[in-house]
PDB file of N, CA and C in Angstrom:
ATOM      1  N   MET A   1     -19.916   2.051  -1.432  1.00  0.00           N
ATOM      2  CA  MET A   1     -18.477   2.219  -1.532  1.00  0.00           C
ATOM      3  C   MET A   1     -18.028   3.180  -0.427  1.00  0.00           C
ATOM      4  N   SER A   2     -16.933   2.819   0.211  1.00  0.00           N
ATOM      5  CA  SER A   2     -16.365   3.619   1.280  1.00  0.00           C
ATOM      6  C   SER A   2     -15.037   4.189   0.819  1.00  0.00           C
ATOM      7  N   GLN A   3     -14.926   5.511   0.777  1.00  0.00           N
ATOM      8  CA  GLN A   3     -13.709   6.148   0.289  1.00  0.00           C
ATOM      9  C   GLN A   3     -12.974   6.861   1.410  1.00  0.00           C
ATOM     10  N   VAL A   4     -11.632   6.789   1.356  1.00  0.00           N
ATOM     11  CA  VAL A   4     -10.771   7.505   2.297  1.00  0.00           C
ATOM     12  C   VAL A   4      -9.864   8.412   1.481  1.00  0.00           C
ATOM     13  N   PHE A   5      -9.847   9.695   1.830  1.00  0.00           N
ATOM     14  CA  PHE A   5      -8.949  10.646   1.171  1.00  0.00           C
ATOM     15  C   PHE A   5      -7.519  10.308   1.567  1.00  0.00           C
ATOM     16  N   LEU A   6      -6.634  10.163   0.568  1.00  0.00           N
ATOM     17  CA  LEU A   6      -5.237   9.825   0.833  1.00  0.00           C
ATOM     18  C   LEU A   6      -4.305  11.029   0.716  1.00  0.00           C
ATOM     19  N   CYS A   7      -4.456  11.787  -0.367  1.00  0.00           N
ATOM     20  CA  CYS A   7      -3.580  12.938  -0.571  1.00  0.00           C
ATOM     21  C   CYS A   7      -4.034  13.709  -1.807  1.00  0.00           C
ATOM     22  N   ASN A   8      -3.469  14.893  -1.960  1.00  0.00           N
ATOM     23  CA  ASN A   8      -3.606  15.615  -3.214  1.00  0.00           C
ATOM     24  C   ASN A   8      -2.555  15.060  -4.162  1.00  0.00           C
ATOM     25  N   ARG A   9      -2.874  15.007  -5.435  1.00  0.00           N
ATOM     26  CA  ARG A   9      -1.959  14.392  -6.406  1.00  0.00           C
ATOM     27  C   ARG A   9      -0.596  15.077  -6.441  1.00  0.00           C
ATOM     28  N   ASP A  10      -0.556  16.386  -6.197  1.00  0.00           N
ATOM     29  CA  ASP A  10       0.716  17.101  -6.285  1.00  0.00           C
ATOM     30  C   ASP A  10       1.541  17.062  -4.992  1.00  0.00           C
ATOM     31  N   GLU A  11       1.037  16.441  -3.940  1.00  0.00           N
ATOM     32  CA  GLU A  11       1.791  16.430  -2.685  1.00  0.00           C
ATOM     33  C   GLU A  11       2.621  15.171  -2.469  1.00  0.00           C
ATOM     34  N   LEU A  12       2.447  14.156  -3.294  1.00  0.00           N
ATOM     35  CA  LEU A  12       3.204  12.914  -3.127  1.00  0.00           C
ATOM     36  C   LEU A  12       4.000  12.659  -4.413  1.00  0.00           C
ATOM     37  N   ALA A  13       5.280  12.981  -4.369  1.00  0.00           N
ATOM     38  CA  ALA A  13       6.144  12.861  -5.550  1.00  0.00           C
ATOM     39  C   ALA A  13       6.387  11.394  -5.899  1.00  0.00           C
ATOM     40  N   PRO A  14       6.683  11.097  -7.167  1.00  0.00           N
ATOM     41  CA  PRO A  14       7.041   9.724  -7.537  1.00  0.00           C
ATOM     42  C   PRO A  14       8.173   9.210  -6.655  1.00  0.00           C
ATOM     43  N   GLY A  15       8.043   7.949  -6.218  1.00  0.00           N
ATOM     44  CA  GLY A  15       9.029   7.358  -5.334  1.00  0.00           C
ATOM     45  C   GLY A  15       8.795   7.657  -3.863  1.00  0.00           C
ATOM     46  N   SER A  16       7.664   8.302  -3.549  1.00  0.00           N
ATOM     47  CA  SER A  16       7.349   8.677  -2.173  1.00  0.00           C
ATOM     48  C   SER A  16       6.205   7.842  -1.621  1.00  0.00           C
ATOM     49  N   LEU A  17       6.102   7.844  -0.304  1.00  0.00           N
ATOM     50  CA  LEU A  17       5.011   7.167   0.381  1.00  0.00           C
ATOM     51  C   LEU A  17       4.658   7.956   1.623  1.00  0.00           C
ATOM     52  N   LYS A  18       3.462   7.691   2.165  1.00  0.00           N
ATOM     53  CA  LYS A  18       3.088   8.315   3.427  1.00  0.00           C
ATOM     54  C   LYS A  18       1.966   7.531   4.081  1.00  0.00           C
ATOM     55  N   LYS A  19       1.849   7.703   5.390  1.00  0.00           N
ATOM     56  CA  LYS A  19       0.802   7.048   6.167  1.00  0.00           C
ATOM     57  C   LYS A  19      -0.373   7.991   6.307  1.00  0.00           C
ATOM     58  N   VAL A  20      -1.584   7.409   6.178  1.00  0.00           N
ATOM     59  CA  VAL A  20      -2.825   8.169   6.291  1.00  0.00           C
ATOM     60  C   VAL A  20      -3.753   7.418   7.239  1.00  0.00           C
ATOM     61  N   ALA A  21      -4.420   8.143   8.113  1.00  0.00           N
ATOM     62  CA  ALA A  21      -5.417   7.519   8.988  1.00  0.00           C
ATOM     63  C   ALA A  21      -6.607   7.117   8.131  1.00  0.00           C
ATOM     64  N   GLY A  22      -6.959   5.833   8.175  1.00  0.00           N
ATOM     65  CA  GLY A  22      -8.013   5.316   7.317  1.00  0.00           C
ATOM     66  C   GLY A  22      -9.328   5.053   8.019  1.00  0.00           C
ATOM     67  N   GLY A  23      -9.504   5.591   9.214  1.00  0.00           N
ATOM     68  CA  GLY A  23     -10.752   5.379   9.940  1.00  0.00           C
ATOM     69  C   GLY A  23     -10.941   3.921  10.303  1.00  0.00           C
ATOM     70  N   GLU A  24     -12.100   3.372   9.992  1.00  0.00           N
ATOM     71  CA  GLU A  24     -12.401   1.976  10.306  1.00  0.00           C
ATOM     72  C   GLU A  24     -11.449   1.000   9.626  1.00  0.00           C
ATOM     73  N   ALA A  25     -10.872   1.392   8.501  1.00  0.00           N
ATOM     74  CA  ALA A  25      -9.945   0.531   7.755  1.00  0.00           C
ATOM     75  C   ALA A  25      -8.581   0.457   8.436  1.00  0.00           C
ATOM     76  N   GLY A  26      -8.311   1.309   9.403  1.00  0.00           N
ATOM     77  CA  GLY A  26      -6.991   1.371  10.021  1.00  0.00           C
ATOM     78  C   GLY A  26      -6.080   2.260   9.189  1.00  0.00           C
ATOM     79  N   ASP A  27      -4.835   2.395   9.613  1.00  0.00           N
ATOM     80  CA  ASP A  27      -3.893   3.232   8.882  1.00  0.00           C
ATOM     81  C   ASP A  27      -3.599   2.620   7.514  1.00  0.00           C
ATOM     82  N   ILE A  28      -3.450   3.505   6.536  1.00  0.00           N
ATOM     83  CA  ILE A  28      -3.192   3.119   5.153  1.00  0.00           C
ATOM     84  C   ILE A  28      -1.878   3.752   4.723  1.00  0.00           C
ATOM     85  N   CYS A  29      -1.081   3.022   3.972  1.00  0.00           N
ATOM     86  CA  CYS A  29       0.138   3.569   3.388  1.00  0.00           C
ATOM     87  C   CYS A  29      -0.149   3.793   1.900  1.00  0.00           C
ATOM     88  N   VAL A  30       0.056   5.015   1.450  1.00  0.00           N
ATOM     89  CA  VAL A  30      -0.153   5.344   0.035  1.00  0.00           C
ATOM     90  C   VAL A  30       1.217   5.545  -0.604  1.00  0.00           C
ATOM     91  N   TYR A  31       1.375   5.031  -1.819  1.00  0.00           N
ATOM     92  CA  TYR A  31       2.648   5.042  -2.537  1.00  0.00           C
ATOM     93  C   TYR A  31       2.442   5.671  -3.907  1.00  0.00           C
ATOM     94  N   ASN A  32       3.440   6.399  -4.379  1.00  0.00           N
ATOM     95  CA  ASN A  32       3.454   6.895  -5.749  1.00  0.00           C
ATOM     96  C   ASN A  32       4.616   6.197  -6.450  1.00  0.00           C
ATOM     97  N   LEU A  33       4.281   5.246  -7.315  1.00  0.00           N
ATOM     98  CA  LEU A  33       5.294   4.524  -8.095  1.00  0.00           C
ATOM     99  C   LEU A  33       5.269   5.061  -9.516  1.00  0.00           C
ATOM    100  N   ASP A  34       6.200   5.924  -9.831  1.00  0.00           N
ATOM    101  CA  ASP A  34       6.311   6.499 -11.184  1.00  0.00           C
ATOM    102  C   ASP A  34       4.998   7.106 -11.671  1.00  0.00           C
ATOM    103  N   GLY A  35       4.299   7.803 -10.787  1.00  0.00           N
ATOM    104  CA  GLY A  35       3.068   8.484 -11.165  1.00  0.00           C
ATOM    105  C   GLY A  35       1.802   7.665 -10.994  1.00  0.00           C
ATOM    106  N   LYS A  36       1.924   6.402 -10.627  1.00  0.00           N
ATOM    107  CA  LYS A  36       0.754   5.561 -10.377  1.00  0.00           C
ATOM    108  C   LYS A  36       0.645   5.351  -8.866  1.00  0.00           C
ATOM    109  N   TYR A  37      -0.564   5.511  -8.342  1.00  0.00           N
ATOM    110  CA  TYR A  37      -0.782   5.419  -6.905  1.00  0.00           C
ATOM    111  C   TYR A  37      -1.269   4.033  -6.488  1.00  0.00           C
ATOM    112  N   TYR A  38      -0.797   3.594  -5.319  1.00  0.00           N
ATOM    113  CA  TYR A  38      -1.202   2.327  -4.717  1.00  0.00           C
ATOM    114  C   TYR A  38      -1.441   2.581  -3.238  1.00  0.00           C
ATOM    115  N   ALA A  39      -2.246   1.727  -2.629  1.00  0.00           N
ATOM    116  CA  ALA A  39      -2.496   1.835  -1.192  1.00  0.00           C
ATOM    117  C   ALA A  39      -2.569   0.441  -0.589  1.00  0.00           C
ATOM    118  N   THR A  40      -1.914   0.292   0.568  1.00  0.00           N
ATOM    119  CA  THR A  40      -1.951  -0.963   1.312  1.00  0.00           C
ATOM    120  C   THR A  40      -2.220  -0.637   2.775  1.00  0.00           C
ATOM    121  N   ALA A  41      -2.525  -1.669   3.546  1.00  0.00           N
ATOM    122  CA  ALA A  41      -2.550  -1.491   4.996  1.00  0.00           C
ATOM    123  C   ALA A  41      -1.158  -1.022   5.395  1.00  0.00           C
ATOM    124  N   ASP A  42      -1.075  -0.153   6.386  1.00  0.00           N
ATOM    125  CA  ASP A  42       0.218   0.376   6.802  1.00  0.00           C
ATOM    126  C   ASP A  42       0.969  -0.575   7.728  1.00  0.00           C
ATOM    127  N   MET A  43       0.257  -1.426   8.450  1.00  0.00           N
ATOM    128  CA  MET A  43       0.885  -2.293   9.447  1.00  0.00           C
ATOM    129  C   MET A  43       1.452  -3.554   8.804  1.00  0.00           C
ATOM    130  N   CYS A  44       2.719  -3.824   9.067  1.00  0.00           N
ATOM    131  CA  CYS A  44       3.351  -5.058   8.601  1.00  0.00           C
ATOM    132  C   CYS A  44       2.568  -6.251   9.150  1.00  0.00           C
ATOM    133  N   THR A  45       2.421  -7.281   8.352  1.00  0.00           N
ATOM    134  CA  THR A  45       1.671  -8.469   8.789  1.00  0.00           C
ATOM    135  C   THR A  45       2.512  -9.396   9.665  1.00  0.00           C
ATOM    136  N   HIS A  46       3.792  -9.121   9.781  1.00  0.00           N
ATOM    137  CA  HIS A  46       4.670  -9.964  10.601  1.00  0.00           C
ATOM    138  C   HIS A  46       4.994  -9.314  11.941  1.00  0.00           C
ATOM    139  N   ALA A  47       5.326  -8.044  11.936  1.00  0.00           N
ATOM    140  CA  ALA A  47       5.728  -7.343  13.154  1.00  0.00           C
ATOM    141  C   ALA A  47       4.885  -6.083  13.305  1.00  0.00           C
ATOM    142  N   THR A  48       4.789  -5.602  14.513  1.00  0.00           N
ATOM    143  CA  THR A  48       4.051  -4.364  14.749  1.00  0.00           C
ATOM    144  C   THR A  48       4.937  -3.208  14.311  1.00  0.00           C
ATOM    145  N   ALA A  49       4.802  -2.833  13.046  1.00  0.00           N
ATOM    146  CA  ALA A  49       5.635  -1.779  12.479  1.00  0.00           C
ATOM    147  C   ALA A  49       4.895  -1.079  11.359  1.00  0.00           C
ATOM    148  N   SER A  50       5.075   0.225  11.281  1.00  0.00           N
ATOM    149  CA  SER A  50       4.479   1.028  10.215  1.00  0.00           C
ATOM    150  C   SER A  50       5.337   0.903   8.963  1.00  0.00           C
ATOM    151  N   LEU A  51       4.730   0.451   7.880  1.00  0.00           N
ATOM    152  CA  LEU A  51       5.470   0.340   6.621  1.00  0.00           C
ATOM    153  C   LEU A  51       5.859   1.708   6.076  1.00  0.00           C
ATOM    154  N   ALA A  52       5.141   2.747   6.467  1.00  0.00           N
ATOM    155  CA  ALA A  52       5.490   4.099   6.029  1.00  0.00           C
ATOM    156  C   ALA A  52       6.854   4.516   6.572  1.00  0.00           C
ATOM    157  N   GLU A  53       7.339   3.817   7.597  1.00  0.00           N
ATOM    158  CA  GLU A  53       8.675   4.087   8.147  1.00  0.00           C
ATOM    159  C   GLU A  53       9.733   3.180   7.524  1.00  0.00           C
ATOM    160  N   GLY A  54       9.314   2.322   6.591  1.00  0.00           N
ATOM    161  CA  GLY A  54      10.229   1.406   5.921  1.00  0.00           C
ATOM    162  C   GLY A  54      10.855   2.032   4.695  1.00  0.00           C
ATOM    163  N   ASP A  55      11.592   1.225   3.963  1.00  0.00           N
ATOM    164  CA  ASP A  55      12.268   1.685   2.751  1.00  0.00           C
ATOM    165  C   ASP A  55      11.542   1.158   1.525  1.00  0.00           C
ATOM    166  N   MET A  56      11.311   2.050   0.567  1.00  0.00           N
ATOM    167  CA  MET A  56      10.679   1.673  -0.687  1.00  0.00           C
ATOM    168  C   MET A  56      11.760   1.648  -1.762  1.00  0.00           C
ATOM    169  N   GLU A  57      11.871   0.500  -2.432  1.00  0.00           N
ATOM    170  CA  GLU A  57      12.795   0.355  -3.546  1.00  0.00           C
ATOM    171  C   GLU A  57      12.031  -0.240  -4.703  1.00  0.00           C
ATOM    172  N   GLY A  58      11.894   0.528  -5.772  1.00  0.00           N
ATOM    173  CA  GLY A  58      11.093   0.057  -6.896  1.00  0.00           C
ATOM    174  C   GLY A  58       9.675  -0.187  -6.442  1.00  0.00           C
ATOM    175  N   ASP A  59       9.156  -1.396  -6.680  1.00  0.00           N
ATOM    176  CA  ASP A  59       7.781  -1.701  -6.279  1.00  0.00           C
ATOM    177  C   ASP A  59       7.725  -2.558  -5.016  1.00  0.00           C
ATOM    178  N   LEU A  60       8.797  -2.496  -4.201  1.00  0.00           N
ATOM    179  CA  LEU A  60       8.834  -3.238  -2.941  1.00  0.00           C
ATOM    180  C   LEU A  60       8.923  -2.285  -1.757  1.00  0.00           C
ATOM    181  N   ILE A  61       8.242  -2.642  -0.671  1.00  0.00           N
ATOM    182  CA  ILE A  61       8.361  -1.921   0.593  1.00  0.00           C
ATOM    183  C   ILE A  61       8.971  -2.881   1.609  1.00  0.00           C
ATOM    184  N   THR A  62       9.971  -2.395   2.339  1.00  0.00           N
ATOM    185  CA  THR A  62      10.676  -3.199   3.332  1.00  0.00           C
ATOM    186  C   THR A  62      10.260  -2.767   4.728  1.00  0.00           C
ATOM    187  N   CYS A  63       9.851  -3.730   5.538  1.00  0.00           N
ATOM    188  CA  CYS A  63       9.470  -3.469   6.921  1.00  0.00           C
ATOM    189  C   CYS A  63      10.694  -2.946   7.683  1.00  0.00           C
ATOM    190  N   PRO A  64      10.520  -1.895   8.502  1.00  0.00           N
ATOM    191  CA  PRO A  64      11.659  -1.346   9.236  1.00  0.00           C
ATOM    192  C   PRO A  64      12.090  -2.188  10.436  1.00  0.00           C
ATOM    193  N   VAL A  65      11.330  -3.227  10.799  1.00  0.00           N
ATOM    194  CA  VAL A  65      11.667  -4.021  11.981  1.00  0.00           C
ATOM    195  C   VAL A  65      12.477  -5.265  11.628  1.00  0.00           C
ATOM    196  N   HIS A  66      11.941  -6.145  10.792  1.00  0.00           N
ATOM    197  CA  HIS A  66      12.630  -7.394  10.472  1.00  0.00           C
ATOM    198  C   HIS A  66      13.008  -7.508   8.992  1.00  0.00           C
ATOM    199  N   TRP A  67      12.868  -6.464   8.236  1.00  0.00           N
ATOM    200  CA  TRP A  67      13.304  -6.355   6.843  1.00  0.00           C
ATOM    201  C   TRP A  67      12.598  -7.298   5.879  1.00  0.00           C
ATOM    202  N   GLY A  68      11.436  -7.784   6.258  1.00  0.00           N
ATOM    203  CA  GLY A  68      10.616  -8.525   5.306  1.00  0.00           C
ATOM    204  C   GLY A  68      10.104  -7.554   4.248  1.00  0.00           C
ATOM    205  N   GLN A  69       9.792  -8.062   3.069  1.00  0.00           N
ATOM    206  CA  GLN A  69       9.356  -7.190   1.983  1.00  0.00           C
ATOM    207  C   GLN A  69       8.004  -7.613   1.421  1.00  0.00           C
ATOM    208  N   PHE A  70       7.318  -6.600   0.892  1.00  0.00           N
ATOM    209  CA  PHE A  70       6.025  -6.795   0.234  1.00  0.00           C
ATOM    210  C   PHE A  70       6.065  -6.148  -1.142  1.00  0.00           C
ATOM    211  N   HIS A  71       5.380  -6.776  -2.102  1.00  0.00           N
ATOM    212  CA  HIS A  71       5.187  -6.214  -3.431  1.00  0.00           C
ATOM    213  C   HIS A  71       4.038  -5.212  -3.305  1.00  0.00           C
ATOM    214  N   ILE A  72       4.308  -3.938  -3.556  1.00  0.00           N
ATOM    215  CA  ILE A  72       3.323  -2.879  -3.316  1.00  0.00           C
ATOM    216  C   ILE A  72       2.052  -3.049  -4.152  1.00  0.00           C
ATOM    217  N   PRO A  73       2.124  -3.239  -5.471  1.00  0.00           N
ATOM    218  CA  PRO A  73       0.880  -3.328  -6.248  1.00  0.00           C
ATOM    219  C   PRO A  73      -0.047  -4.471  -5.829  1.00  0.00           C
ATOM    220  N   SER A  74       0.521  -5.613  -5.450  1.00  0.00           N
ATOM    221  CA  SER A  74      -0.328  -6.766  -5.131  1.00  0.00           C
ATOM    222  C   SER A  74      -0.481  -7.018  -3.635  1.00  0.00           C
ATOM    223  N   GLY A  75       0.411  -6.441  -2.825  1.00  0.00           N
ATOM    224  CA  GLY A  75       0.388  -6.686  -1.391  1.00  0.00           C
ATOM    225  C   GLY A  75       1.028  -8.012  -0.996  1.00  0.00           C
ATOM    226  N   GLN A  76       1.557  -8.754  -1.948  1.00  0.00           N
ATOM    227  CA  GLN A  76       2.116 -10.069  -1.644  1.00  0.00           C
ATOM    228  C   GLN A  76       3.389  -9.974  -0.816  1.00  0.00           C
ATOM    229  N   ALA A  77       3.489 -10.833   0.200  1.00  0.00           N
ATOM    230  CA  ALA A  77       4.712 -10.972   0.978  1.00  0.00           C
ATOM    231  C   ALA A  77       5.727 -11.692   0.100  1.00  0.00           C
ATOM    232  N   VAL A  78       6.919 -11.110  -0.062  1.00  0.00           N
ATOM    233  CA  VAL A  78       7.899 -11.708  -0.967  1.00  0.00           C
ATOM    234  C   VAL A  78       9.204 -12.092  -0.287  1.00  0.00           C
ATOM    235  N   THR A  79       9.447 -11.592   0.924  1.00  0.00           N
ATOM    236  CA  THR A  79      10.697 -11.891   1.615  1.00  0.00           C
ATOM    237  C   THR A  79      10.407 -12.276   3.056  1.00  0.00           C
ATOM    238  N   PHE A  80      11.009 -13.396   3.491  1.00  0.00           N
ATOM    239  CA  PHE A  80      10.884 -13.868   4.856  1.00  0.00           C
ATOM    240  C   PHE A  80      11.412 -12.793   5.807  1.00  0.00           C
ATOM    241  N   PRO A  81      10.835 -12.574   6.958  1.00  0.00           N
ATOM    242  CA  PRO A  81       9.886 -13.425   7.661  1.00  0.00           C
ATOM    243  C   PRO A  81       8.420 -13.128   7.340  1.00  0.00           C
ATOM    244  N   CYS A  82       8.162 -12.204   6.425  1.00  0.00           N
ATOM    245  CA  CYS A  82       6.771 -11.891   6.082  1.00  0.00           C
ATOM    246  C   CYS A  82       6.200 -13.006   5.219  1.00  0.00           C
ATOM    247  N   GLU A  83       5.080 -13.553   5.647  1.00  0.00           N
ATOM    248  CA  GLU A  83       4.422 -14.622   4.898  1.00  0.00           C
ATOM    249  C   GLU A  83       2.974 -14.299   4.578  1.00  0.00           C
ATOM    250  N   LYS A  84       2.342 -13.471   5.402  1.00  0.00           N
ATOM    251  CA  LYS A  84       0.947 -13.092   5.184  1.00  0.00           C
ATOM    252  C   LYS A  84       0.919 -11.819   4.332  1.00  0.00           C
ATOM    253  N   HIS A  85       0.081 -11.825   3.299  1.00  0.00           N
ATOM    254  CA  HIS A  85      -0.010 -10.697   2.377  1.00  0.00           C
ATOM    255  C   HIS A  85      -0.666  -9.490   3.033  1.00  0.00           C
ATOM    256  N   LEU A  86      -0.363  -8.308   2.484  1.00  0.00           N
ATOM    257  CA  LEU A  86      -0.968  -7.052   2.933  1.00  0.00           C
ATOM    258  C   LEU A  86      -2.330  -6.855   2.291  1.00  0.00           C
ATOM    259  N   ARG A  87      -3.212  -6.194   2.988  1.00  0.00           N
ATOM    260  CA  ARG A  87      -4.484  -5.751   2.414  1.00  0.00           C
ATOM    261  C   ARG A  87      -4.166  -4.614   1.461  1.00  0.00           C
ATOM    262  N   THR A  88      -4.713  -4.639   0.271  1.00  0.00           N
ATOM    263  CA  THR A  88      -4.540  -3.558  -0.701  1.00  0.00           C
ATOM    264  C   THR A  88      -5.885  -2.916  -0.964  1.00  0.00           C
ATOM    265  N   TYR A  89      -5.844  -1.703  -1.478  1.00  0.00           N
ATOM    266  CA  TYR A  89      -7.073  -0.953  -1.745  1.00  0.00           C
ATOM    267  C   TYR A  89      -7.085  -0.446  -3.172  1.00  0.00           C
ATOM    268  N   ARG A  90      -8.273  -0.456  -3.764  1.00  0.00           N
ATOM    269  CA  ARG A  90      -8.458   0.111  -5.100  1.00  0.00           C
ATOM    270  C   ARG A  90      -8.324   1.625  -4.996  1.00  0.00           C
ATOM    271  N   ILE A  91      -7.604   2.222  -5.921  1.00  0.00           N
ATOM    272  CA  ILE A  91      -7.354   3.661  -5.941  1.00  0.00           C
ATOM    273  C   ILE A  91      -8.360   4.356  -6.849  1.00  0.00           C
ATOM    274  N   ILE A  92      -8.829   5.488  -6.391  1.00  0.00           N
ATOM    275  CA  ILE A  92      -9.715   6.351  -7.177  1.00  0.00           C
ATOM    276  C   ILE A  92      -9.040   7.714  -7.234  1.00  0.00           C
ATOM    277  N   THR A  93      -8.864   8.259  -8.442  1.00  0.00           N
ATOM    278  CA  THR A  93      -8.245   9.578  -8.568  1.00  0.00           C
ATOM    279  C   THR A  93      -9.193  10.545  -9.256  1.00  0.00           C
ATOM    280  N   THR A  94      -9.066  11.800  -8.881  1.00  0.00           N
ATOM    281  CA  THR A  94      -9.736  12.888  -9.575  1.00  0.00           C
ATOM    282  C   THR A  94      -8.620  13.740 -10.183  1.00  0.00           C
ATOM    283  N   ASP A  95      -8.962  14.872 -10.734  1.00  0.00           N
ATOM    284  CA  ASP A  95      -7.929  15.757 -11.281  1.00  0.00           C
ATOM    285  C   ASP A  95      -6.925  16.174 -10.213  1.00  0.00           C
ATOM    286  N   ARG A  96      -7.379  16.288  -8.956  1.00  0.00           N
ATOM    287  CA  ARG A  96      -6.511  16.806  -7.894  1.00  0.00           C
ATOM    288  C   ARG A  96      -6.271  15.861  -6.726  1.00  0.00           C
ATOM    289  N   GLU A  97      -7.129  14.862  -6.532  1.00  0.00           N
ATOM    290  CA  GLU A  97      -7.086  14.083  -5.298  1.00  0.00           C
ATOM    291  C   GLU A  97      -6.963  12.581  -5.542  1.00  0.00           C
ATOM    292  N   VAL A  98      -6.479  11.892  -4.496  1.00  0.00           N
ATOM    293  CA  VAL A  98      -6.313  10.446  -4.531  1.00  0.00           C
ATOM    294  C   VAL A  98      -7.083   9.868  -3.347  1.00  0.00           C
ATOM    295  N   PHE A  99      -7.914   8.861  -3.614  1.00  0.00           N
ATOM    296  CA  PHE A  99      -8.727   8.204  -2.595  1.00  0.00           C
ATOM    297  C   PHE A  99      -8.482   6.702  -2.640  1.00  0.00           C
ATOM    298  N   ALA A 100      -8.754   6.040  -1.519  1.00  0.00           N
ATOM    299  CA  ALA A 100      -8.754   4.581  -1.471  1.00  0.00           C
ATOM    300  C   ALA A 100     -10.188   4.126  -1.285  1.00  0.00           C
ATOM    301  N   ASP A 101     -10.588   3.123  -2.050  1.00  0.00           N
ATOM    302  CA  ASP A 101     -11.883   2.476  -1.866  1.00  0.00           C
ATOM    303  C   ASP A 101     -11.645   1.359  -0.856  1.00  0.00           C
ATOM    304  N   THR A 102     -12.037   1.585   0.391  1.00  0.00           N
ATOM    305  CA  THR A 102     -11.756   0.615   1.447  1.00  0.00           C
ATOM    306  C   THR A 102     -12.735  -0.545   1.460  1.00  0.00           C
ATOM    307  N   SER A 103     -13.676  -0.531   0.536  1.00  0.00           N
ATOM    308  CA  SER A 103     -14.628  -1.642   0.467  1.00  0.00           C
ATOM    309  C   SER A 103     -14.202  -2.702  -0.544  1.00  0.00           C
ATOM    310  N   ALA A 104     -13.123  -2.439  -1.313  1.00  0.00           N
ATOM    311  CA  ALA A 104     -12.727  -3.377  -2.366  1.00  0.00           C
ATOM    312  C   ALA A 104     -11.216  -3.538  -2.425  1.00  0.00           C
ATOM    313  N   GLU A 105     -10.770  -4.773  -2.718  1.00  0.00           N
ATOM    314  CA  GLU A 105      -9.348  -5.045  -2.957  1.00  0.00           C
ATOM    315  C   GLU A 105      -8.942  -4.413  -4.287  1.00  0.00           C
ATOM    316  N   SER A 106      -7.659  -4.119  -4.439  1.00  0.00           N
ATOM    317  CA  SER A 106      -7.178  -3.594  -5.709  1.00  0.00           C
ATOM    318  C   SER A 106      -7.234  -4.686  -6.774  1.00  0.00           C
ATOM    319  N   GLU A 107      -7.284  -4.269  -8.013  1.00  0.00           N
ATOM    320  CA  GLU A 107      -7.305  -5.216  -9.138  1.00  0.00           C
ATOM    321  C   GLU A 107      -6.006  -6.027  -9.177  1.00  0.00           C
ATOM    322  N   GLU A 108      -4.873  -5.381  -8.857  1.00  0.00           N
ATOM    323  CA  GLU A 108      -3.578  -6.077  -8.847  1.00  0.00           C
ATOM    324  C   GLU A 108      -3.582  -7.200  -7.821  1.00  0.00           C
ATOM    325  N   ALA A 109      -4.176  -6.965  -6.644  1.00  0.00           N
ATOM    326  CA  ALA A 109      -4.225  -7.992  -5.598  1.00  0.00           C
ATOM    327  C   ALA A 109      -5.069  -9.175  -6.048  1.00  0.00           C
ATOM    328  N   GLU A 110      -6.175  -8.900  -6.729  1.00  0.00           N
ATOM    329  CA  GLU A 110      -7.029  -9.983  -7.223  1.00  0.00           C
ATOM    330  C   GLU A 110      -6.287 -10.829  -8.249  1.00  0.00           C
ATOM    331  N   LEU A 111      -5.530 -10.176  -9.134  1.00  0.00           N
ATOM    332  CA  LEU A 111      -4.757 -10.906 -10.142  1.00  0.00           C
ATOM    333  C   LEU A 111      -3.629 -11.702  -9.485  1.00  0.00           C
ATOM    334  N   ALA A 112      -2.970 -11.107  -8.493  1.00  0.00           N
ATOM    335  CA  ALA A 112      -1.867 -11.783  -7.811  1.00  0.00           C
ATOM    336  C   ALA A 112      -2.351 -13.006  -7.052  1.00  0.00           C
ATOM    337  N   ALA A 113      -3.556 -12.944  -6.523  1.00  0.00           N
ATOM    338  CA  ALA A 113      -4.110 -14.098  -5.800  1.00  0.00           C
ATOM    339  C   ALA A 113      -4.294 -15.287  -6.748  1.00  0.00           C
ATOM    340  N   ALA A 114      -4.607 -14.965  -8.007  1.00  0.00           N
ATOM    341  CA  ALA A 114      -4.800 -16.013  -8.993  1.00  0.00           C
ATOM    342  C   ALA A 114      -3.465 -16.573  -9.494  1.00  0.00           C
ATOM    343  N   SER A 115      -2.441 -15.739  -9.550  1.00  0.00           N
ATOM    344  CA  SER A 115      -1.128 -16.194 -10.012  1.00  0.00           C
ATOM    345  C   SER A 115      -0.048 -15.495  -9.201  1.00  0.00           C
ATOM    346  N   PRO A 116       0.421 -16.116  -8.117  1.00  0.00           N
ATOM    347  CA  PRO A 116       1.411 -15.477  -7.237  1.00  0.00           C
ATOM    348  C   PRO A 116       2.683 -15.075  -7.964  1.00  0.00           C
ATOM    349  N   ILE A 117       3.370 -14.101  -7.398  1.00  0.00           N
ATOM    350  CA  ILE A 117       4.630 -13.587  -7.957  1.00  0.00           C
ATOM    351  C   ILE A 117       5.692 -14.656  -7.858  1.00  0.00           C
TER     352      ILE A 117
END
């Protein structure tokens, strides 16, 4: 298992996101949705743009370039022009820290692949 440190639990407030250097995995965007953490690839699959610079509304992230949207928990592209899904990462938390398991897809992404939104 390959883990990437994302943040301390108290540094990312609910409704917030941030970009983290993920090493070999590339940049990762970590999100706090009402106290639950998610992580996706930071780069939009349609345009060369950092999703951490986009707008988060509920469980959707909007690309800052062409306004395509992705469902954060599953990584699914939900609004044109985005058609290719985002890579998602399984989250591991401790009492104080949040990590991404870069060797495995998130459980939400696996479920979404079986039954799209």
